[in-house]
Amino acid sequence: MASHSDVKDTIGAALAGCLVSVALSAVLGFQTFLYFMIFPADNIQYKVLVSWTWLLDAVHTILICTAVWEFAINNFGNSAITDTIFPALAVLVLITATTTISVNIFYGWRIHKLSRSNWWLTGTITFLSVARGGLAFTTASEMIITPTFTRFNADWKLLLTCGLAVSAVTDIVVSAARYYYLHNLKQGYMMSQEMVDAVVVFTINDGCLTCAVVVASIASLLCMDNFIWLSIYFTIAKFYSNSVLATLNLRNWYRYKPVRTAVGLPMTRPGNGAMSNHGTHTMSGTAGDKHSTHDLETPGRMEVFIDHQVEFVRDDHKDQKSTTIA
């Protein structure tokens, strides 16, 4: 009978990864609901992408639960079962790769628009995505043919590692490209700099998170002889899916970003020598703008702060000159 430590590091780790994956799937379901509530008239390609992402996630979650059920319930008490590769795991590899490819192609398309058709960059992203898909297809095929992890690790472990490594490299390229073009986008757009800064921060955090999860799975696969790598691997597709939905849903915050305007009104009496300034006013784009020392020390001066919302529309329905926030 397997020891408590063995069960904890194998079936226990797989169960923990399953629970985290189900929780992330619930977050994705909520984000999908928000998307269709907030953007009922969005572009059809975005609606297809969201529906496709949700469908892949649903299949992915079912496969994870099926694999864990086989390990923990159908073969309860069988210590040798942790060496078996069930078909659900092989299909899971394919679904994970399909999700990451879909997400990277989406970001590659956004970068293509943002970079004004930089084919060298988008071609590189496409090539890496196709390479990731080819490695994943080969890995899944070998997992179906190979019945045990012992034989698979001896012959094809490097193949699985290379697929994950290509995924991490793609994340780095995509995040670096989005950061570069968004950072340059701030030049000449004073009113939208705060919005672009928020997108840049989100892009960096988003890319670092997905890349870190992939790297953690690679490290666990190479350094540990248990299922910890598998538990982390379960969550990879979930983070990619939530990344796309978060990117699309955050457009609602960008469009209705509150802006605070300060209006200075001079309060002077007739005959005090200050009639020349009567009726003048000053405006500043943000609440953090500093007024001159003379303005601050002028007696009887009143400032009125007005909160209003500015709607930013960044999605193009036709080919026209506009800016796209990725």
Protein backbone atom coordinates (compact mmCIF):
# COMPACT_ATOMS: atom_id res chain seq x y z
CA MET A 1 0.00 0.00 0.00
CA ALA A 2 1.29 3.46 -0.85
CA SER A 3 2.55 5.62 1.99
CA HIS A 4 0.77 8.77 3.10
CA SER A 5 3.57 10.90 1.65
CA ASP A 6 3.27 9.22 -1.76
CA VAL A 7 -0.49 9.73 -1.89
CA LYS A 8 -0.14 13.36 -0.84
CA ASP A 9 2.42 14.13 -3.55
CA THR A 10 0.59 12.28 -6.32
CA ILE A 11 -3.17 11.95 -6.04
CA GLY A 12 -3.34 14.66 -3.38
CA ALA A 13 -1.46 17.10 -5.60
CA ALA A 14 -3.67 16.23 -8.58
CA LEU A 15 -6.79 16.79 -6.46
CA ALA A 16 -5.50 20.17 -5.26
CA GLY A 17 -4.79 21.21 -8.83
CA CYS A 18 -8.28 20.08 -9.82
CA LEU A 19 -9.90 22.21 -7.11
CA VAL A 20 -7.92 25.31 -8.10
CA SER A 21 -8.78 24.71 -11.75
CA VAL A 22 -12.49 24.44 -11.00
CA ALA A 23 -12.32 27.70 -9.04
CA LEU A 24 -10.57 29.45 -11.95
CA SER A 25 -13.16 28.01 -14.31
CA ALA A 26 -15.88 29.57 -12.17
CA VAL A 27 -14.11 32.93 -12.43
CA LEU A 28 -14.02 32.52 -16.20
CA GLY A 29 -17.72 31.71 -16.27
CA PHE A 30 -18.45 34.89 -14.32
CA GLN A 31 -16.26 36.92 -16.67
CA THR A 32 -18.06 35.43 -19.67
CA PHE A 33 -21.41 36.42 -18.17
CA LEU A 34 -20.13 39.96 -17.57
CA TYR A 35 -18.85 40.22 -21.11
CA PHE A 36 -22.19 39.41 -22.72
CA MET A 37 -23.98 41.70 -20.28
CA ILE A 38 -21.64 44.67 -20.81
CA PHE A 39 -20.94 44.26 -24.54
CA PRO A 40 -24.12 42.91 -26.19
CA ALA A 41 -23.30 44.82 -29.39
CA ASP A 42 -19.59 43.96 -29.54
CA ASN A 43 -17.82 42.84 -32.70
CA ILE A 44 -18.80 39.36 -33.82
CA GLN A 45 -15.17 38.15 -33.78
CA TYR A 46 -14.91 39.01 -30.11
CA LYS A 47 -18.14 37.16 -29.33
CA VAL A 48 -16.88 34.09 -31.19
CA LEU A 49 -13.56 34.29 -29.32
CA VAL A 50 -15.27 34.51 -25.93
CA SER A 51 -17.65 31.63 -26.74
CA TRP A 52 -14.77 29.52 -28.07
CA THR A 53 -12.67 30.25 -24.98
CA TRP A 54 -15.50 29.32 -22.64
CA LEU A 55 -16.20 26.09 -24.55
CA LEU A 56 -12.54 25.06 -24.42
CA ASP A 57 -12.47 25.80 -20.70
CA ALA A 58 -15.58 23.70 -20.07
CA VAL A 59 -14.06 20.70 -21.90
CA HIS A 60 -10.76 21.29 -20.10
CA THR A 61 -12.46 21.24 -16.69
CA ILE A 62 -14.35 18.03 -17.52
CA LEU A 63 -11.12 16.31 -18.58
CA ILE A 64 -9.36 17.33 -15.37
CA CYS A 65 -12.19 16.03 -13.20
CA THR A 66 -12.32 12.81 -15.22
CA ALA A 67 -8.60 12.18 -14.78
CA VAL A 68 -8.70 12.85 -11.04
CA TRP A 69 -11.78 10.62 -10.71
CA GLU A 70 -9.89 7.77 -12.40
CA PHE A 71 -6.93 8.18 -10.07
CA ALA A 72 -8.76 8.75 -6.77
CA ILE A 73 -12.09 6.89 -7.06
CA ASN A 74 -12.12 4.21 -9.76
CA ASN A 75 -8.68 2.95 -8.70
CA PHE A 76 -8.84 3.73 -4.99
CA GLY A 77 -6.20 1.80 -3.04
CA ASN A 78 -4.20 0.87 -6.14
CA SER A 79 -0.78 2.40 -5.54
CA ALA A 80 0.48 1.51 -9.02
CA ILE A 81 -2.24 3.52 -10.74
CA THR A 82 -0.26 6.76 -10.44
CA ASP A 83 2.04 5.45 -13.17
CA THR A 84 -0.85 5.09 -15.65
CA ILE A 85 -1.55 7.67 -18.35
CA PHE A 86 -5.32 7.85 -18.90
CA PRO A 87 -6.67 9.04 -22.27
CA ALA A 88 -8.19 12.07 -20.53
CA LEU A 89 -4.69 13.34 -19.76
CA ALA A 90 -3.62 13.04 -23.39
CA VAL A 91 -6.66 14.98 -24.60
CA LEU A 92 -6.03 17.50 -21.81
CA VAL A 93 -2.64 18.30 -23.33
CA LEU A 94 -4.32 19.03 -26.68
CA ILE A 95 -6.98 21.28 -25.12
CA THR A 96 -4.35 23.19 -23.12
CA ALA A 97 -2.31 23.78 -26.25
CA THR A 98 -5.39 24.84 -28.23
CA THR A 99 -6.27 27.37 -25.53
CA THR A 100 -2.79 28.88 -25.39
CA ILE A 101 -2.62 29.05 -29.20
CA SER A 102 -6.02 30.79 -29.39
CA VAL A 103 -4.97 33.34 -26.78
CA ASN A 104 -1.59 34.04 -28.39
CA ILE A 105 -3.16 34.44 -31.84
CA PHE A 106 -5.63 36.91 -30.36
CA TYR A 107 -2.81 38.94 -28.81
CA GLY A 108 -0.80 38.62 -32.01
CA TRP A 109 -3.70 40.12 -33.96
CA ARG A 110 -3.97 43.01 -31.49
CA ILE A 111 -0.22 43.60 -31.71
CA HIS A 112 -0.45 43.51 -35.51
CA LYS A 113 -2.97 46.37 -35.41
CA LEU A 114 -1.08 48.25 -32.72
CA SER A 115 2.23 47.99 -34.59
CA ARG A 116 0.67 49.07 -37.90
CA SER A 117 1.14 45.67 -39.60
CA ASN A 118 4.57 44.67 -38.34
CA TRP A 119 4.65 41.28 -40.07
CA TRP A 120 8.05 40.33 -38.66
CA LEU A 121 6.75 40.51 -35.12
CA THR A 122 3.34 38.96 -35.74
CA GLY A 123 4.97 36.31 -37.93
CA THR A 124 7.26 35.36 -35.07
CA ILE A 125 4.32 35.06 -32.68
CA THR A 126 2.41 32.96 -35.20
CA PHE A 127 5.41 30.70 -35.78
CA LEU A 128 5.89 30.14 -32.05
CA SER A 129 2.17 29.40 -31.64
CA VAL A 130 2.21 26.86 -34.48
CA ALA A 131 5.35 25.25 -33.06
CA ARG A 132 3.63 24.99 -29.67
CA GLY A 133 0.67 23.29 -31.33
CA GLY A 134 2.87 20.82 -33.20
CA LEU A 135 4.78 19.84 -30.08
CA ALA A 136 1.54 19.44 -28.11
CA PHE A 137 -0.05 17.26 -30.81
CA THR A 138 3.02 14.99 -30.87
CA THR A 139 3.08 14.83 -27.07
CA ALA A 140 -0.61 13.91 -26.86
CA SER A 141 -0.18 11.22 -29.52
CA GLU A 142 2.71 9.65 -27.63
CA MET A 143 0.77 9.80 -24.35
CA ILE A 144 -2.03 7.80 -25.98
CA ILE A 145 0.43 5.23 -27.33
CA THR A 146 2.56 5.07 -24.18
CA PRO A 147 0.59 3.53 -21.29
CA THR A 148 2.76 4.61 -18.33
CA PHE A 149 4.56 7.72 -17.09
CA THR A 150 7.74 5.67 -16.60
CA ARG A 151 8.05 4.90 -20.30
CA PHE A 152 6.84 8.34 -21.33
CA ASN A 153 9.38 10.14 -19.14
CA ALA A 154 12.18 7.97 -20.50
CA ASP A 155 11.39 8.69 -24.16
CA TRP A 156 9.22 11.81 -24.44
CA LYS A 157 9.65 13.93 -21.32
CA LEU A 158 11.92 16.31 -23.21
CA LEU A 159 9.21 16.79 -25.84
CA LEU A 160 6.67 17.90 -23.23
CA THR A 161 9.27 20.20 -21.67
CA CYS A 162 10.06 21.81 -25.03
CA GLY A 163 6.36 22.47 -25.66
CA LEU A 164 6.02 24.24 -22.34
CA ALA A 165 9.26 26.17 -22.94
CA VAL A 166 7.98 27.43 -26.31
CA SER A 167 4.80 28.55 -24.55
CA ALA A 168 6.84 30.53 -22.02
CA VAL A 169 8.95 32.15 -24.76
CA THR A 170 5.77 33.13 -26.63
CA ASP A 171 4.45 34.78 -23.46
CA ILE A 172 7.64 36.82 -23.14
CA VAL A 173 7.54 37.95 -26.78
CA VAL A 174 3.85 38.88 -26.62
CA SER A 175 4.18 40.76 -23.33
CA ALA A 176 7.31 42.61 -24.47
CA ALA A 177 5.65 43.66 -27.74
CA ARG A 178 2.48 44.86 -26.01
CA TYR A 179 4.51 46.81 -23.47
CA TYR A 180 6.69 48.43 -26.18
CA TYR A 181 3.85 49.62 -28.38
CA LEU A 182 1.62 50.69 -25.50
CA HIS A 183 4.49 52.64 -23.94
CA ASN A 184 5.04 54.48 -27.22
CA LEU A 185 1.32 55.07 -27.51
CA LYS A 186 1.47 57.54 -24.62
CA GLN A 187 3.33 60.06 -26.76
CA GLY A 188 0.88 62.75 -27.82
CA TYR A 189 -2.17 61.39 -25.93
CA MET A 190 -2.21 63.48 -22.77
CA MET A 191 -5.82 62.75 -21.82
CA SER A 192 -5.36 58.98 -22.16
CA GLN A 193 -1.95 58.58 -20.52
CA GLU A 194 -3.42 57.36 -17.25
CA MET A 195 -5.50 54.82 -19.14
CA VAL A 196 -2.49 53.59 -21.13
CA ASP A 197 -0.43 53.34 -17.93
CA ALA A 198 -3.12 51.11 -16.42
CA VAL A 199 -3.08 48.89 -19.52
CA VAL A 200 0.71 48.66 -19.41
CA VAL A 201 0.66 47.56 -15.76
CA PHE A 202 -2.03 44.99 -16.51
CA THR A 203 -0.03 43.70 -19.51
CA ILE A 204 3.13 43.22 -17.46
CA ASN A 205 1.33 41.47 -14.61
CA ASP A 206 -0.70 39.33 -16.98
CA GLY A 207 2.30 38.18 -19.00
CA CYS A 208 4.42 37.54 -15.91
CA LEU A 209 1.67 35.46 -14.29
CA THR A 210 1.11 33.09 -17.21
CA CYS A 211 4.84 32.77 -17.85
CA ALA A 212 5.54 32.08 -14.16
CA VAL A 213 2.94 29.31 -14.05
CA VAL A 214 4.45 27.64 -17.13
CA VAL A 215 7.99 27.92 -15.74
CA ALA A 216 6.84 26.47 -12.39
CA SER A 217 5.33 23.50 -14.20
CA ILE A 218 8.58 22.94 -16.15
CA ALA A 219 10.68 23.13 -12.98
CA SER A 220 8.44 20.68 -11.16
CA LEU A 221 8.45 18.29 -14.12
CA LEU A 222 12.24 18.25 -14.32
CA CYS A 223 13.06 18.24 -10.60
CA MET A 224 10.26 16.22 -8.93
CA ASP A 225 9.07 12.66 -9.44
CA ASN A 226 5.44 13.25 -8.47
CA PHE A 227 2.25 14.96 -9.66
CA ILE A 228 3.05 18.48 -8.48
CA TRP A 229 3.94 19.42 -12.06
CA LEU A 230 0.59 18.01 -13.18
CA SER A 231 -1.35 20.03 -10.59
CA ILE A 232 0.30 23.22 -11.87
CA TYR A 233 -0.22 22.14 -15.46
CA PHE A 234 -3.97 21.86 -14.81
CA THR A 235 -4.15 25.63 -14.21
CA ILE A 236 -2.17 26.85 -17.23
CA ALA A 237 -5.11 26.97 -19.65
CA LYS A 238 -7.28 28.61 -16.97
CA PHE A 239 -4.91 31.55 -16.57
CA TYR A 240 -4.71 32.05 -20.34
CA SER A 241 -8.50 31.98 -20.71
CA ASN A 242 -9.06 34.43 -17.86
CA SER A 243 -6.40 36.69 -19.37
CA VAL A 244 -8.41 37.13 -22.58
CA LEU A 245 -11.69 37.77 -20.79
CA ALA A 246 -10.06 40.26 -18.41
CA THR A 247 -8.54 42.12 -21.37
CA LEU A 248 -11.92 42.42 -23.10
CA ASN A 249 -13.93 43.27 -19.99
CA LEU A 250 -11.53 45.97 -18.82
CA ARG A 251 -12.48 48.00 -21.88
CA ASN A 252 -15.58 49.02 -19.95
CA TRP A 253 -13.38 50.67 -17.30
CA TYR A 254 -11.28 52.36 -19.99
CA ARG A 255 -14.35 53.80 -21.72
CA TYR A 256 -15.90 55.23 -18.59
CA LYS A 257 -12.76 56.41 -16.82
CA PRO A 258 -13.75 59.27 -14.48
CA VAL A 259 -11.90 62.55 -15.04
CA ARG A 260 -11.87 65.36 -12.50
CA THR A 261 -11.69 68.94 -13.76
CA ALA A 262 -10.86 71.99 -11.67
CA VAL A 263 -12.44 75.33 -12.63
CA GLY A 264 -11.09 78.49 -10.97
CA LEU A 265 -13.52 81.41 -10.59
CA PRO A 266 -12.20 84.78 -9.30
CA MET A 267 -14.38 86.28 -6.54
CA THR A 268 -13.64 90.04 -6.70
CA ARG A 269 -15.63 93.14 -5.86
CA PRO A 270 -16.12 96.03 -8.28
CA GLY A 271 -13.62 98.82 -7.86
CA ASN A 272 -10.82 96.81 -6.21
CA GLY A 273 -8.53 97.01 -9.20
CA ALA A 274 -9.06 93.42 -10.22
CA MET A 275 -11.94 93.99 -12.62
CA SER A 276 -9.70 93.12 -15.55
CA ASN A 277 -9.82 89.45 -14.49
CA HIS A 278 -13.59 89.38 -14.09
CA GLY A 279 -15.15 86.48 -15.93
CA THR A 280 -11.91 84.63 -16.58
CA HIS A 281 -11.44 81.01 -15.59
CA THR A 282 -8.76 78.36 -15.70
CA MET A 283 -9.13 74.62 -16.31
CA SER A 284 -6.85 71.68 -15.63
CA GLY A 285 -7.18 68.17 -17.03
CA THR A 286 -6.75 66.34 -13.73
CA ALA A 287 -7.31 66.92 -10.04
CA GLY A 288 -3.60 66.61 -9.36
CA ASP A 289 -2.59 69.70 -11.36
CA LYS A 290 -0.82 72.35 -9.29
CA HIS A 291 -1.91 75.98 -9.46
CA SER A 292 0.52 78.86 -9.30
CA THR A 293 1.41 80.51 -6.01
CA HIS A 294 -0.43 83.64 -7.08
CA ASP A 295 -3.64 81.70 -7.69
CA LEU A 296 -3.45 79.94 -4.35
CA GLU A 297 -2.85 83.15 -2.42
CA THR A 298 -5.49 85.28 -4.19
CA PRO A 299 -8.13 86.26 -1.60
CA GLY A 300 -11.72 85.44 -2.32
CA ARG A 301 -10.89 82.85 -4.98
CA MET A 302 -13.29 79.90 -5.36
CA GLU A 303 -12.50 76.58 -7.03
CA VAL A 304 -15.18 74.20 -8.27
CA PHE A 305 -14.24 70.61 -9.01
CA ILE A 306 -16.42 68.90 -11.59
CA ASP A 307 -16.47 65.09 -11.91
CA HIS A 308 -17.46 63.83 -15.32
CA GLN A 309 -16.91 60.72 -17.42
CA VAL A 310 -15.15 60.48 -20.73
CA GLU A 311 -16.05 57.59 -23.00
CA PHE A 312 -13.17 56.09 -24.95
CA VAL A 313 -14.11 53.95 -27.96
CA ARG A 314 -11.12 51.97 -29.15
CA ASP A 315 -12.58 49.08 -31.17
CA ASP A 316 -12.84 49.57 -34.90
CA HIS A 317 -15.76 48.22 -36.92
CA LYS A 318 -14.24 49.51 -40.16
CA ASP A 319 -10.78 50.12 -41.50
CA GLN A 320 -10.06 53.60 -40.25
CA LYS A 321 -7.23 55.50 -38.59
CA SER A 322 -7.64 54.96 -34.85
CA THR A 323 -5.75 53.67 -31.86
CA THR A 324 -6.21 50.16 -30.49
CA ILE A 325 -5.45 49.38 -26.86
CA ALA A 326 -4.09 45.86 -26.48
